[in-house]
Amino acid sequence: MRVFLAITLIGFLSLSALAGTTSHAIYDEVIDVIVHEKSPVERLSSYEVEAVFTRTQTRWSDGTVVYPFSFPAGSEAREYFDRAALRLGPDEVGRFWMERKIRGLGSPPRQVPSALLMVQIIANLPGSIGYVPSGQAAPGVKVVARVMRGKVVSP
């Protein structure tokens, strides 16, 4: 009986650990969508954020080229952002960009490994857009949208 209970407990703990690695953690932080401080954009709707990060919209209203930046695939913030802003899971995002590339419709946003570097790039590149955990925006950028509770909202 003890052996059965021990095996059952080990199996349960193994399944729990496995489920924890394959399930999607809930990202409970707020993400700020940021643009260069001189961007003509003051606010972006969820539709506009999606259009910019899927490269459907490639220019701002003043004609400036849009340069989107994102965190690397596999990062928690990136997965949360993609689910909320693009309404795509990690596998779907990969397929989306593969299909667009095959059709000659553009490349995905450039990847930036840290929030600090993201802010520096956005602050120094007119037309750029990215996102960082809330509170990490700095001089040279402005917040134009927020991702919170799985939705894109006004700042």
C-alpha atoms as a PDB file:
ATOM      1  CA  MET A   1       0.000   0.000   0.000  1.00  0.00           C
ATOM      2  CA  ARG A   2       2.841   2.407   0.879  1.00  0.00           C
ATOM      3  CA  VAL A   3       4.585   1.637  -2.406  1.00  0.00           C
ATOM      4  CA  PHE A   4       1.363   2.381  -4.302  1.00  0.00           C
ATOM      5  CA  LEU A   5       0.934   5.698  -2.451  1.00  0.00           C
ATOM      6  CA  ALA A   6       4.569   6.636  -3.042  1.00  0.00           C
ATOM      7  CA  ILE A   7       4.314   5.863  -6.781  1.00  0.00           C
ATOM      8  CA  THR A   8       1.032   7.745  -7.007  1.00  0.00           C
ATOM      9  CA  LEU A   9       2.543  10.750  -5.204  1.00  0.00           C
ATOM     10  CA  ILE A  10       5.659  10.735  -7.419  1.00  0.00           C
ATOM     11  CA  GLY A  11       3.460  10.488 -10.513  1.00  0.00           C
ATOM     12  CA  PHE A  12       1.276  13.339  -9.341  1.00  0.00           C
ATOM     13  CA  LEU A  13       4.275  15.551  -8.536  1.00  0.00           C
ATOM     14  CA  SER A  14       5.841  14.718 -11.908  1.00  0.00           C
ATOM     15  CA  LEU A  15       2.644  15.627 -13.739  1.00  0.00           C
ATOM     16  CA  SER A  16       2.322  18.815 -11.711  1.00  0.00           C
ATOM     17  CA  ALA A  17       5.881  19.823 -12.598  1.00  0.00           C
ATOM     18  CA  LEU A  18       5.311  18.976 -16.248  1.00  0.00           C
ATOM     19  CA  ALA A  19       2.057  20.940 -16.303  1.00  0.00           C
ATOM     20  CA  GLY A  20       3.850  23.909 -14.782  1.00  0.00           C
ATOM     21  CA  THR A  21       6.422  23.916 -17.585  1.00  0.00           C
ATOM     22  CA  THR A  22       3.915  23.653 -20.392  1.00  0.00           C
ATOM     23  CA  SER A  23       1.171  25.904 -19.074  1.00  0.00           C
ATOM     24  CA  HIS A  24       1.295  29.621 -19.669  1.00  0.00           C
ATOM     25  CA  ALA A  25       2.145  31.658 -16.611  1.00  0.00           C
ATOM     26  CA  ILE A  26      -0.046  34.658 -16.027  1.00  0.00           C
ATOM     27  CA  TYR A  27       2.036  37.785 -16.416  1.00  0.00           C
ATOM     28  CA  ASP A  28       0.664  40.091 -13.770  1.00  0.00           C
ATOM     29  CA  GLU A  29       2.695  43.180 -14.601  1.00  0.00           C
ATOM     30  CA  VAL A  30       1.605  46.102 -16.744  1.00  0.00           C
ATOM     31  CA  ILE A  31       3.482  46.645 -19.985  1.00  0.00           C
ATOM     32  CA  ASP A  32       3.947  50.116 -21.446  1.00  0.00           C
ATOM     33  CA  VAL A  33       4.005  50.500 -25.219  1.00  0.00           C
ATOM     34  CA  ILE A  34       6.533  53.251 -25.931  1.00  0.00           C
ATOM     35  CA  VAL A  35       7.460  55.381 -28.934  1.00  0.00           C
ATOM     36  CA  HIS A  36      10.156  57.958 -29.643  1.00  0.00           C
ATOM     37  CA  GLU A  37       9.308  61.192 -27.835  1.00  0.00           C
ATOM     38  CA  LYS A  38       8.946  63.132 -31.102  1.00  0.00           C
ATOM     39  CA  SER A  39       6.581  60.623 -32.656  1.00  0.00           C
ATOM     40  CA  PRO A  40       3.305  62.140 -33.894  1.00  0.00           C
ATOM     41  CA  VAL A  41       1.508  59.371 -31.977  1.00  0.00           C
ATOM     42  CA  GLU A  42      -0.050  60.255 -28.627  1.00  0.00           C
ATOM     43  CA  ARG A  43      -2.232  57.168 -28.108  1.00  0.00           C
ATOM     44  CA  LEU A  44      -2.694  53.864 -29.868  1.00  0.00           C
ATOM     45  CA  SER A  45      -5.767  51.652 -29.829  1.00  0.00           C
ATOM     46  CA  SER A  46      -5.482  47.882 -29.587  1.00  0.00           C
ATOM     47  CA  TYR A  47      -6.127  47.687 -33.341  1.00  0.00           C
ATOM     48  CA  GLU A  48      -3.294  50.162 -34.048  1.00  0.00           C
ATOM     49  CA  VAL A  49      -0.852  48.324 -31.758  1.00  0.00           C
ATOM     50  CA  GLU A  50      -1.675  45.086 -33.574  1.00  0.00           C
ATOM     51  CA  ALA A  51      -1.245  46.758 -36.989  1.00  0.00           C
ATOM     52  CA  VAL A  52       2.159  48.162 -36.086  1.00  0.00           C
ATOM     53  CA  PHE A  53       3.522  44.971 -34.530  1.00  0.00           C
ATOM     54  CA  THR A  54       2.241  42.758 -37.365  1.00  0.00           C
ATOM     55  CA  ARG A  55       3.784  45.210 -39.838  1.00  0.00           C
ATOM     56  CA  THR A  56       0.412  45.889 -41.455  1.00  0.00           C
ATOM     57  CA  GLN A  57       1.006  49.573 -40.698  1.00  0.00           C
ATOM     58  CA  THR A  58       4.522  50.569 -41.728  1.00  0.00           C
ATOM     59  CA  ARG A  59       4.360  54.376 -41.461  1.00  0.00           C
ATOM     60  CA  TRP A  60       3.165  56.883 -38.891  1.00  0.00           C
ATOM     61  CA  SER A  61       0.648  59.580 -39.840  1.00  0.00           C
ATOM     62  CA  ASP A  62       3.461  61.999 -40.756  1.00  0.00           C
ATOM     63  CA  GLY A  63       5.041  59.495 -43.159  1.00  0.00           C
ATOM     64  CA  THR A  64       7.856  58.409 -40.828  1.00  0.00           C
ATOM     65  CA  VAL A  65       8.766  54.736 -41.201  1.00  0.00           C
ATOM     66  CA  VAL A  66       7.687  52.600 -38.220  1.00  0.00           C
ATOM     67  CA  TYR A  67      10.448  50.509 -36.610  1.00  0.00           C
ATOM     68  CA  PRO A  68       8.904  47.997 -34.191  1.00  0.00           C
ATOM     69  CA  PHE A  69      11.023  46.238 -31.565  1.00  0.00           C
ATOM     70  CA  SER A  70      10.078  43.261 -29.421  1.00  0.00           C
ATOM     71  CA  PHE A  71      11.591  41.019 -26.775  1.00  0.00           C
ATOM     72  CA  PRO A  72      12.989  37.633 -27.835  1.00  0.00           C
ATOM     73  CA  ALA A  73      10.656  34.702 -28.404  1.00  0.00           C
ATOM     74  CA  GLY A  74      10.246  32.665 -25.246  1.00  0.00           C
ATOM     75  CA  SER A  75      10.402  35.610 -22.849  1.00  0.00           C
ATOM     76  CA  GLU A  76       7.445  35.934 -20.510  1.00  0.00           C
ATOM     77  CA  ALA A  77       6.831  39.587 -21.406  1.00  0.00           C
ATOM     78  CA  ARG A  78       6.909  38.776 -25.131  1.00  0.00           C
ATOM     79  CA  GLU A  79       4.418  35.930 -24.788  1.00  0.00           C
ATOM     80  CA  TYR A  80       2.088  38.089 -22.694  1.00  0.00           C
ATOM     81  CA  PHE A  81       2.364  40.989 -25.158  1.00  0.00           C
ATOM     82  CA  ASP A  82       1.777  38.758 -28.202  1.00  0.00           C
ATOM     83  CA  ARG A  83      -1.285  37.154 -26.611  1.00  0.00           C
ATOM     84  CA  ALA A  84      -2.807  40.512 -25.627  1.00  0.00           C
ATOM     85  CA  ALA A  85      -1.797  42.743 -28.540  1.00  0.00           C
ATOM     86  CA  LEU A  86      -1.650  40.278 -31.442  1.00  0.00           C
ATOM     87  CA  ARG A  87      -4.064  37.702 -30.029  1.00  0.00           C
ATOM     88  CA  LEU A  88      -1.554  34.979 -30.947  1.00  0.00           C
ATOM     89  CA  GLY A  89       0.184  32.327 -28.881  1.00  0.00           C
ATOM     90  CA  PRO A  90       3.895  31.535 -29.353  1.00  0.00           C
ATOM     91  CA  ASP A  91       3.350  28.838 -31.998  1.00  0.00           C
ATOM     92  CA  GLU A  92       0.847  30.994 -33.860  1.00  0.00           C
ATOM     93  CA  VAL A  93       3.263  33.941 -33.899  1.00  0.00           C
ATOM     94  CA  GLY A  94       5.963  31.756 -35.419  1.00  0.00           C
ATOM     95  CA  ARG A  95       3.611  30.498 -38.140  1.00  0.00           C
ATOM     96  CA  PHE A  96       2.318  34.027 -38.779  1.00  0.00           C
ATOM     97  CA  TRP A  97       5.820  35.373 -39.454  1.00  0.00           C
ATOM     98  CA  MET A  98       6.858  32.347 -41.495  1.00  0.00           C
ATOM     99  CA  GLU A  99       3.828  32.811 -43.760  1.00  0.00           C
ATOM    100  CA  ARG A 100       4.424  36.558 -44.126  1.00  0.00           C
ATOM    101  CA  LYS A 101       8.076  36.007 -44.981  1.00  0.00           C
ATOM    102  CA  ILE A 102       7.230  33.360 -47.593  1.00  0.00           C
ATOM    103  CA  ARG A 103       4.741  35.741 -49.197  1.00  0.00           C
ATOM    104  CA  GLY A 104       7.219  38.636 -49.143  1.00  0.00           C
ATOM    105  CA  LEU A 105       5.067  40.653 -46.751  1.00  0.00           C
ATOM    106  CA  GLY A 106       7.752  41.686 -44.303  1.00  0.00           C
ATOM    107  CA  SER A 107       9.847  40.540 -41.404  1.00  0.00           C
ATOM    108  CA  PRO A 108       9.007  40.429 -37.703  1.00  0.00           C
ATOM    109  CA  PRO A 109      10.021  43.226 -35.339  1.00  0.00           C
ATOM    110  CA  ARG A 110      13.688  43.253 -34.370  1.00  0.00           C
ATOM    111  CA  GLN A 111      14.374  41.557 -31.060  1.00  0.00           C
ATOM    112  CA  VAL A 112      15.914  43.372 -28.104  1.00  0.00           C
ATOM    113  CA  PRO A 113      17.171  41.371 -25.101  1.00  0.00           C
ATOM    114  CA  SER A 114      16.442  43.830 -22.268  1.00  0.00           C
ATOM    115  CA  ALA A 115      14.111  46.622 -21.224  1.00  0.00           C
ATOM    116  CA  LEU A 116      17.029  49.000 -20.685  1.00  0.00           C
ATOM    117  CA  LEU A 117      18.272  48.478 -24.243  1.00  0.00           C
ATOM    118  CA  MET A 118      14.696  48.732 -25.545  1.00  0.00           C
ATOM    119  CA  VAL A 119      14.281  52.176 -23.971  1.00  0.00           C
ATOM    120  CA  GLN A 120      17.668  53.327 -25.312  1.00  0.00           C
ATOM    121  CA  ILE A 121      16.817  52.212 -28.850  1.00  0.00           C
ATOM    122  CA  ILE A 122      13.355  53.794 -28.840  1.00  0.00           C
ATOM    123  CA  ALA A 123      14.733  57.050 -27.374  1.00  0.00           C
ATOM    124  CA  ASN A 124      17.373  57.289 -30.095  1.00  0.00           C
ATOM    125  CA  LEU A 125      15.513  56.096 -33.195  1.00  0.00           C
ATOM    126  CA  PRO A 126      12.718  58.308 -34.555  1.00  0.00           C
ATOM    127  CA  GLY A 127       9.768  56.232 -35.750  1.00  0.00           C
ATOM    128  CA  SER A 128      10.511  53.390 -33.380  1.00  0.00           C
ATOM    129  CA  ILE A 129       8.078  51.575 -31.089  1.00  0.00           C
ATOM    130  CA  GLY A 130       8.536  48.894 -28.447  1.00  0.00           C
ATOM    131  CA  TYR A 131       7.309  47.868 -25.027  1.00  0.00           C
ATOM    132  CA  VAL A 132       8.729  47.564 -21.532  1.00  0.00           C
ATOM    133  CA  PRO A 133       7.448  46.631 -18.089  1.00  0.00           C
ATOM    134  CA  SER A 134       5.562  49.620 -16.652  1.00  0.00           C
ATOM    135  CA  GLY A 135       7.699  52.166 -14.888  1.00  0.00           C
ATOM    136  CA  GLN A 136      10.794  51.538 -17.017  1.00  0.00           C
ATOM    137  CA  ALA A 137      10.092  54.221 -19.616  1.00  0.00           C
ATOM    138  CA  ALA A 138      12.646  57.022 -19.429  1.00  0.00           C
ATOM    139  CA  PRO A 139      13.354  60.427 -20.976  1.00  0.00           C
ATOM    140  CA  GLY A 140      13.269  60.276 -24.751  1.00  0.00           C
ATOM    141  CA  VAL A 141      10.197  58.029 -24.966  1.00  0.00           C
ATOM    142  CA  LYS A 142       6.493  58.382 -24.321  1.00  0.00           C
ATOM    143  CA  VAL A 143       3.881  55.810 -23.362  1.00  0.00           C
ATOM    144  CA  VAL A 144       1.109  55.490 -25.966  1.00  0.00           C
ATOM    145  CA  ALA A 145      -0.686  52.345 -24.766  1.00  0.00           C
ATOM    146  CA  ARG A 146      -0.620  49.823 -21.935  1.00  0.00           C
ATOM    147  CA  VAL A 147      -1.123  46.097 -21.789  1.00  0.00           C
ATOM    148  CA  MET A 148      -2.819  45.064 -18.584  1.00  0.00           C
ATOM    149  CA  ARG A 149      -4.969  42.117 -17.591  1.00  0.00           C
ATOM    150  CA  GLY A 150      -4.486  40.723 -21.095  1.00  0.00           C
ATOM    151  CA  LYS A 151      -5.807  43.778 -22.941  1.00  0.00           C
ATOM    152  CA  VAL A 152      -4.390  46.822 -24.695  1.00  0.00           C
ATOM    153  CA  VAL A 153      -5.701  50.007 -23.076  1.00  0.00           C
ATOM    154  CA  SER A 154      -5.017  53.752 -23.171  1.00  0.00           C
ATOM    155  CA  PRO A 155      -2.211  54.974 -20.908  1.00  0.00           C
END
